[in-house]
């Protein structure tokens, strides 16, 4: 091999190594953008006597969904289930809301994930305390999910009820329950 050929080969190797390839990372692989989660509510302006999901905080592939009560009076407790496609979403956990905490009260939260794709929620004020009223949308509880794939994945309420302060508490009539979708994007 001549001196000119050797110099050209070395120059080509240096340029090729420095570039790392046209569409990849330094190892020559393809760089995939990170998965980003968000939530889109079915109703962004819920009316009176409504429980509606709304986007809370989000970070990377995780999103927190607030379950908000809106323009509802005489609340003592809530019970509902949220179903979802467990091949596309993972339930991460819950955090307290603000509705049942009114007046400095510490409510009881009972939240379980008894089977893939289902979260069961019960939250209640305790003892001989009054009910609460909600004028503007406020969270009863917050549920966090991680998205596993690109797409839109529905969250759905099932077996849902708000309860009044009677003894024993009675399900409130005329409550509308609004859901939404978790999205995954790159």
C-alpha atoms as a PDB file:
ATOM      1  CA  UNK A   1       0.000   0.000   0.000  1.00  0.00           C
ATOM      2  CA  UNK A   2       1.454   3.383  -0.921  1.00  0.00           C
ATOM      3  CA  UNK A   3       1.939   6.322   1.386  1.00  0.00           C
ATOM      4  CA  UNK A   4      -0.940   8.257  -0.251  1.00  0.00           C
ATOM      5  CA  UNK A   5      -3.367   5.326   0.233  1.00  0.00           C
ATOM      6  CA  UNK A   6      -2.362   4.946   3.891  1.00  0.00           C
ATOM      7  CA  UNK A   7      -2.902   8.674   4.583  1.00  0.00           C
ATOM      8  CA  UNK A   8      -6.314   8.613   2.870  1.00  0.00           C
ATOM      9  CA  UNK A   9      -7.371   5.506   4.832  1.00  0.00           C
ATOM     10  CA  UNK A  10      -6.315   7.073   8.150  1.00  0.00           C
ATOM     11  CA  UNK A  11      -8.122  10.320   7.318  1.00  0.00           C
ATOM     12  CA  UNK A  12     -11.294   8.409   6.411  1.00  0.00           C
ATOM     13  CA  UNK A  13     -11.164   6.396   9.661  1.00  0.00           C
ATOM     14  CA  UNK A  14     -10.685   9.561  11.737  1.00  0.00           C
ATOM     15  CA  UNK A  15     -13.631  11.360  10.112  1.00  0.00           C
ATOM     16  CA  UNK A  16     -15.877   8.287  10.398  1.00  0.00           C
ATOM     17  CA  UNK A  17     -15.074   7.787  14.103  1.00  0.00           C
ATOM     18  CA  UNK A  18     -15.550  11.472  14.948  1.00  0.00           C
ATOM     19  CA  UNK A  19     -18.962  11.650  13.291  1.00  0.00           C
ATOM     20  CA  UNK A  20     -20.402   8.581  14.994  1.00  0.00           C
ATOM     21  CA  UNK A  21     -22.595   7.916  11.986  1.00  0.00           C
ATOM     22  CA  UNK A  22     -25.292  10.017  10.378  1.00  0.00           C
ATOM     23  CA  UNK A  23     -28.339   9.054  12.486  1.00  0.00           C
ATOM     24  CA  UNK A  24     -26.986   7.605  15.677  1.00  0.00           C
ATOM     25  CA  UNK A  25     -25.178   8.053  18.913  1.00  0.00           C
ATOM     26  CA  UNK A  26     -21.398   7.756  19.427  1.00  0.00           C
ATOM     27  CA  UNK A  27     -21.666   3.949  19.401  1.00  0.00           C
ATOM     28  CA  UNK A  28     -23.310   4.021  15.977  1.00  0.00           C
ATOM     29  CA  UNK A  29     -26.821   3.116  17.260  1.00  0.00           C
ATOM     30  CA  UNK A  30     -30.017   5.044  16.602  1.00  0.00           C
ATOM     31  CA  UNK A  31     -31.018   7.513  19.317  1.00  0.00           C
ATOM     32  CA  UNK A  32     -34.700   7.241  20.234  1.00  0.00           C
ATOM     33  CA  UNK A  33     -36.355  10.309  21.762  1.00  0.00           C
ATOM     34  CA  UNK A  34     -37.709   9.761  25.289  1.00  0.00           C
ATOM     35  CA  UNK A  35     -41.349   8.815  25.842  1.00  0.00           C
ATOM     36  CA  UNK A  36     -43.383  11.730  27.232  1.00  0.00           C
ATOM     37  CA  UNK A  37     -46.704  11.323  29.050  1.00  0.00           C
ATOM     38  CA  UNK A  38     -49.647  13.745  29.213  1.00  0.00           C
ATOM     39  CA  UNK A  39     -53.365  13.607  30.020  1.00  0.00           C
ATOM     40  CA  UNK A  40     -56.271  14.957  27.965  1.00  0.00           C
ATOM     41  CA  UNK A  41     -59.594  15.335  29.782  1.00  0.00           C
ATOM     42  CA  UNK A  42     -62.889  14.525  28.072  1.00  0.00           C
ATOM     43  CA  UNK A  43     -64.278  17.784  29.520  1.00  0.00           C
ATOM     44  CA  UNK A  44     -61.856  20.615  30.292  1.00  0.00           C
ATOM     45  CA  UNK A  45     -64.651  22.793  31.797  1.00  0.00           C
ATOM     46  CA  UNK A  46     -66.789  20.513  33.975  1.00  0.00           C
ATOM     47  CA  UNK A  47     -70.195  21.777  35.059  1.00  0.00           C
ATOM     48  CA  UNK A  48     -72.060  21.430  38.318  1.00  0.00           C
ATOM     49  CA  UNK A  49     -72.363  18.082  40.096  1.00  0.00           C
ATOM     50  CA  UNK A  50     -69.442  16.676  38.125  1.00  0.00           C
ATOM     51  CA  UNK A  51     -66.427  14.557  38.930  1.00  0.00           C
ATOM     52  CA  UNK A  52     -63.845  15.007  36.186  1.00  0.00           C
ATOM     53  CA  UNK A  53     -60.302  13.841  35.588  1.00  0.00           C
ATOM     54  CA  UNK A  54     -57.722  16.559  34.866  1.00  0.00           C
ATOM     55  CA  UNK A  55     -54.008  16.632  34.153  1.00  0.00           C
ATOM     56  CA  UNK A  56     -51.861  17.234  37.209  1.00  0.00           C
ATOM     57  CA  UNK A  57     -48.083  17.153  37.216  1.00  0.00           C
ATOM     58  CA  UNK A  58     -46.100  15.266  34.593  1.00  0.00           C
ATOM     59  CA  UNK A  59     -42.479  14.262  34.237  1.00  0.00           C
ATOM     60  CA  UNK A  60     -41.044  12.200  31.408  1.00  0.00           C
ATOM     61  CA  UNK A  61     -43.130   9.065  30.921  1.00  0.00           C
ATOM     62  CA  UNK A  62     -45.244   9.660  34.075  1.00  0.00           C
ATOM     63  CA  UNK A  63     -48.370  11.760  34.587  1.00  0.00           C
ATOM     64  CA  UNK A  64     -50.564  12.451  37.609  1.00  0.00           C
ATOM     65  CA  UNK A  65     -54.308  12.628  37.027  1.00  0.00           C
ATOM     66  CA  UNK A  66     -56.394  14.673  39.472  1.00  0.00           C
ATOM     67  CA  UNK A  67     -59.888  13.341  40.166  1.00  0.00           C
ATOM     68  CA  UNK A  68     -61.715  16.639  40.729  1.00  0.00           C
ATOM     69  CA  UNK A  69     -65.134  17.341  42.223  1.00  0.00           C
ATOM     70  CA  UNK A  70     -66.794  20.439  40.782  1.00  0.00           C
ATOM     71  CA  UNK A  71     -69.734  22.548  41.973  1.00  0.00           C
ATOM     72  CA  UNK A  72     -71.000  19.850  44.333  1.00  0.00           C
ATOM     73  CA  UNK A  73     -72.417  20.237  47.845  1.00  0.00           C
ATOM     74  CA  UNK A  74     -72.817  17.975  50.869  1.00  0.00           C
ATOM     75  CA  UNK A  75     -69.904  15.583  50.205  1.00  0.00           C
ATOM     76  CA  UNK A  76     -68.806  13.066  52.821  1.00  0.00           C
ATOM     77  CA  UNK A  77     -67.151  10.298  50.752  1.00  0.00           C
ATOM     78  CA  UNK A  78     -66.354   8.994  47.278  1.00  0.00           C
ATOM     79  CA  UNK A  79     -65.927   5.466  45.924  1.00  0.00           C
ATOM     80  CA  UNK A  80     -65.006   4.514  42.372  1.00  0.00           C
ATOM     81  CA  UNK A  81     -62.844   2.348  40.158  1.00  0.00           C
ATOM     82  CA  UNK A  82     -60.593   3.483  37.314  1.00  0.00           C
ATOM     83  CA  UNK A  83     -59.910   0.977  34.546  1.00  0.00           C
ATOM     84  CA  UNK A  84     -57.134   1.157  31.964  1.00  0.00           C
ATOM     85  CA  UNK A  85     -55.129  -0.960  29.506  1.00  0.00           C
ATOM     86  CA  UNK A  86     -52.345  -2.445  31.649  1.00  0.00           C
ATOM     87  CA  UNK A  87     -50.327  -3.359  28.545  1.00  0.00           C
ATOM     88  CA  UNK A  88     -50.000   0.372  27.803  1.00  0.00           C
ATOM     89  CA  UNK A  89     -50.101   1.992  31.281  1.00  0.00           C
ATOM     90  CA  UNK A  90     -48.739   1.178  34.745  1.00  0.00           C
ATOM     91  CA  UNK A  91     -50.438   2.473  37.899  1.00  0.00           C
ATOM     92  CA  UNK A  92     -47.740   4.057  40.109  1.00  0.00           C
ATOM     93  CA  UNK A  93     -49.664   5.184  43.189  1.00  0.00           C
ATOM     94  CA  UNK A  94     -51.838   7.917  44.675  1.00  0.00           C
ATOM     95  CA  UNK A  95     -51.545  11.126  46.654  1.00  0.00           C
ATOM     96  CA  UNK A  96     -54.066  13.023  48.761  1.00  0.00           C
ATOM     97  CA  UNK A  97     -56.481  15.542  47.347  1.00  0.00           C
ATOM     98  CA  UNK A  98     -57.861  18.621  49.103  1.00  0.00           C
ATOM     99  CA  UNK A  99     -61.659  18.183  49.048  1.00  0.00           C
ATOM    100  CA  UNK A 100     -62.103  15.901  52.060  1.00  0.00           C
ATOM    101  CA  UNK A 101     -59.326  17.667  54.005  1.00  0.00           C
ATOM    102  CA  UNK A 102     -61.396  20.856  54.353  1.00  0.00           C
ATOM    103  CA  UNK A 103     -61.537  22.243  57.886  1.00  0.00           C
ATOM    104  CA  UNK A 104     -58.274  20.538  58.860  1.00  0.00           C
ATOM    105  CA  UNK A 105     -59.835  17.073  58.701  1.00  0.00           C
ATOM    106  CA  UNK A 106     -57.739  13.962  58.003  1.00  0.00           C
ATOM    107  CA  UNK A 107     -59.780  11.616  55.782  1.00  0.00           C
ATOM    108  CA  UNK A 108     -59.228   7.916  55.220  1.00  0.00           C
ATOM    109  CA  UNK A 109     -57.870   6.857  51.828  1.00  0.00           C
ATOM    110  CA  UNK A 110     -58.267   3.241  50.772  1.00  0.00           C
ATOM    111  CA  UNK A 111     -56.702   2.621  47.380  1.00  0.00           C
ATOM    112  CA  UNK A 112     -55.926  -0.744  45.847  1.00  0.00           C
ATOM    113  CA  UNK A 113     -54.766  -2.216  42.580  1.00  0.00           C
ATOM    114  CA  UNK A 114     -56.433  -5.651  42.892  1.00  0.00           C
ATOM    115  CA  UNK A 115     -55.880  -6.674  39.290  1.00  0.00           C
ATOM    116  CA  UNK A 116     -54.017  -5.457  36.236  1.00  0.00           C
ATOM    117  CA  UNK A 117     -55.813  -2.503  34.701  1.00  0.00           C
ATOM    118  CA  UNK A 118     -57.973  -1.589  37.721  1.00  0.00           C
ATOM    119  CA  UNK A 119     -57.534   0.860  40.617  1.00  0.00           C
ATOM    120  CA  UNK A 120     -60.181   0.828  43.372  1.00  0.00           C
ATOM    121  CA  UNK A 121     -60.565   4.050  45.401  1.00  0.00           C
ATOM    122  CA  UNK A 122     -62.463   4.878  48.580  1.00  0.00           C
ATOM    123  CA  UNK A 123     -61.972   8.180  50.397  1.00  0.00           C
ATOM    124  CA  UNK A 124     -64.043   9.378  53.307  1.00  0.00           C
ATOM    125  CA  UNK A 125     -64.275  11.903  56.079  1.00  0.00           C
ATOM    126  CA  UNK A 126     -64.436  10.191  59.479  1.00  0.00           C
ATOM    127  CA  UNK A 127     -66.819  10.307  62.391  1.00  0.00           C
ATOM    128  CA  UNK A 128     -69.262  13.054  63.275  1.00  0.00           C
ATOM    129  CA  UNK A 129     -67.889  15.768  61.053  1.00  0.00           C
ATOM    130  CA  UNK A 130     -69.802  17.840  58.562  1.00  0.00           C
ATOM    131  CA  UNK A 131     -69.900  17.427  54.840  1.00  0.00           C
ATOM    132  CA  UNK A 132     -67.951  19.663  52.463  1.00  0.00           C
ATOM    133  CA  UNK A 133     -68.947  21.831  49.527  1.00  0.00           C
ATOM    134  CA  UNK A 134     -66.898  22.354  46.377  1.00  0.00           C
ATOM    135  CA  UNK A 135     -67.418  25.367  44.127  1.00  0.00           C
ATOM    136  CA  UNK A 136     -64.441  25.318  41.739  1.00  0.00           C
ATOM    137  CA  UNK A 137     -62.817  22.054  40.596  1.00  0.00           C
ATOM    138  CA  UNK A 138     -60.710  20.591  43.417  1.00  0.00           C
ATOM    139  CA  UNK A 139     -59.002  17.189  43.695  1.00  0.00           C
ATOM    140  CA  UNK A 140     -60.490  14.430  45.813  1.00  0.00           C
ATOM    141  CA  UNK A 141     -57.418  12.294  45.055  1.00  0.00           C
ATOM    142  CA  UNK A 142     -54.549  12.153  42.566  1.00  0.00           C
ATOM    143  CA  UNK A 143     -53.585   8.974  40.660  1.00  0.00           C
ATOM    144  CA  UNK A 144     -50.220   8.541  38.923  1.00  0.00           C
ATOM    145  CA  UNK A 145     -49.538   6.467  35.815  1.00  0.00           C
ATOM    146  CA  UNK A 146     -46.543   5.615  33.622  1.00  0.00           C
ATOM    147  CA  UNK A 147     -47.072   5.276  29.868  1.00  0.00           C
ATOM    148  CA  UNK A 148     -45.359   2.320  28.173  1.00  0.00           C
ATOM    149  CA  UNK A 149     -45.921   3.151  24.513  1.00  0.00           C
ATOM    150  CA  UNK A 150     -46.814   5.855  21.996  1.00  0.00           C
ATOM    151  CA  UNK A 151     -50.569   6.407  21.625  1.00  0.00           C
ATOM    152  CA  UNK A 152     -53.724   7.417  23.503  1.00  0.00           C
ATOM    153  CA  UNK A 153     -54.951   5.174  26.309  1.00  0.00           C
ATOM    154  CA  UNK A 154     -58.351   5.650  27.977  1.00  0.00           C
ATOM    155  CA  UNK A 155     -58.968   5.854  31.711  1.00  0.00           C
ATOM    156  CA  UNK A 156     -62.580   4.978  32.575  1.00  0.00           C
ATOM    157  CA  UNK A 157     -64.656   5.370  35.748  1.00  0.00           C
ATOM    158  CA  UNK A 158     -66.676   2.348  36.878  1.00  0.00           C
ATOM    159  CA  UNK A 159     -68.893   1.725  39.927  1.00  0.00           C
ATOM    160  CA  UNK A 160     -68.614   5.416  40.823  1.00  0.00           C
ATOM    161  CA  UNK A 161     -70.525   7.254  43.560  1.00  0.00           C
ATOM    162  CA  UNK A 162     -70.280  10.333  45.767  1.00  0.00           C
ATOM    163  CA  UNK A 163     -71.863  10.039  49.208  1.00  0.00           C
ATOM    164  CA  UNK A 164     -73.683  12.517  51.458  1.00  0.00           C
ATOM    165  CA  UNK A 165     -73.416  12.874  55.228  1.00  0.00           C
ATOM    166  CA  UNK A 166     -76.507  10.902  56.290  1.00  0.00           C
ATOM    167  CA  UNK A 167     -76.195   7.960  58.684  1.00  0.00           C
ATOM    168  CA  UNK A 168     -75.439   5.734  56.879  1.00  0.00           C
ATOM    169  CA  UNK A 169     -74.161   7.834  53.933  1.00  0.00           C
ATOM    170  CA  UNK A 170     -76.290   7.658  50.791  1.00  0.00           C
ATOM    171  CA  UNK A 171     -75.152   7.866  47.168  1.00  0.00           C
ATOM    172  CA  UNK A 172     -75.815  11.298  45.690  1.00  0.00           C
ATOM    173  CA  UNK A 173     -78.012  11.308  42.580  1.00  0.00           C
ATOM    174  CA  UNK A 174     -77.311  13.314  39.430  1.00  0.00           C
ATOM    175  CA  UNK A 175     -73.499  13.192  39.456  1.00  0.00           C
ATOM    176  CA  UNK A 176     -71.742  13.194  36.061  1.00  0.00           C
ATOM    177  CA  UNK A 177     -68.397  11.340  35.832  1.00  0.00           C
ATOM    178  CA  UNK A 178     -65.959  12.516  33.108  1.00  0.00           C
ATOM    179  CA  UNK A 179     -62.813  10.556  32.148  1.00  0.00           C
ATOM    180  CA  UNK A 180     -60.015  11.118  29.639  1.00  0.00           C
ATOM    181  CA  UNK A 181     -56.932   9.641  27.983  1.00  0.00           C
ATOM    182  CA  UNK A 182     -53.278   9.314  28.901  1.00  0.00           C
ATOM    183  CA  UNK A 183     -51.066   9.963  25.897  1.00  0.00           C
ATOM    184  CA  UNK A 184     -47.564   8.815  25.110  1.00  0.00           C
ATOM    185  CA  UNK A 185     -45.517  10.807  22.600  1.00  0.00           C
ATOM    186  CA  UNK A 186     -41.929  10.924  21.390  1.00  0.00           C
END
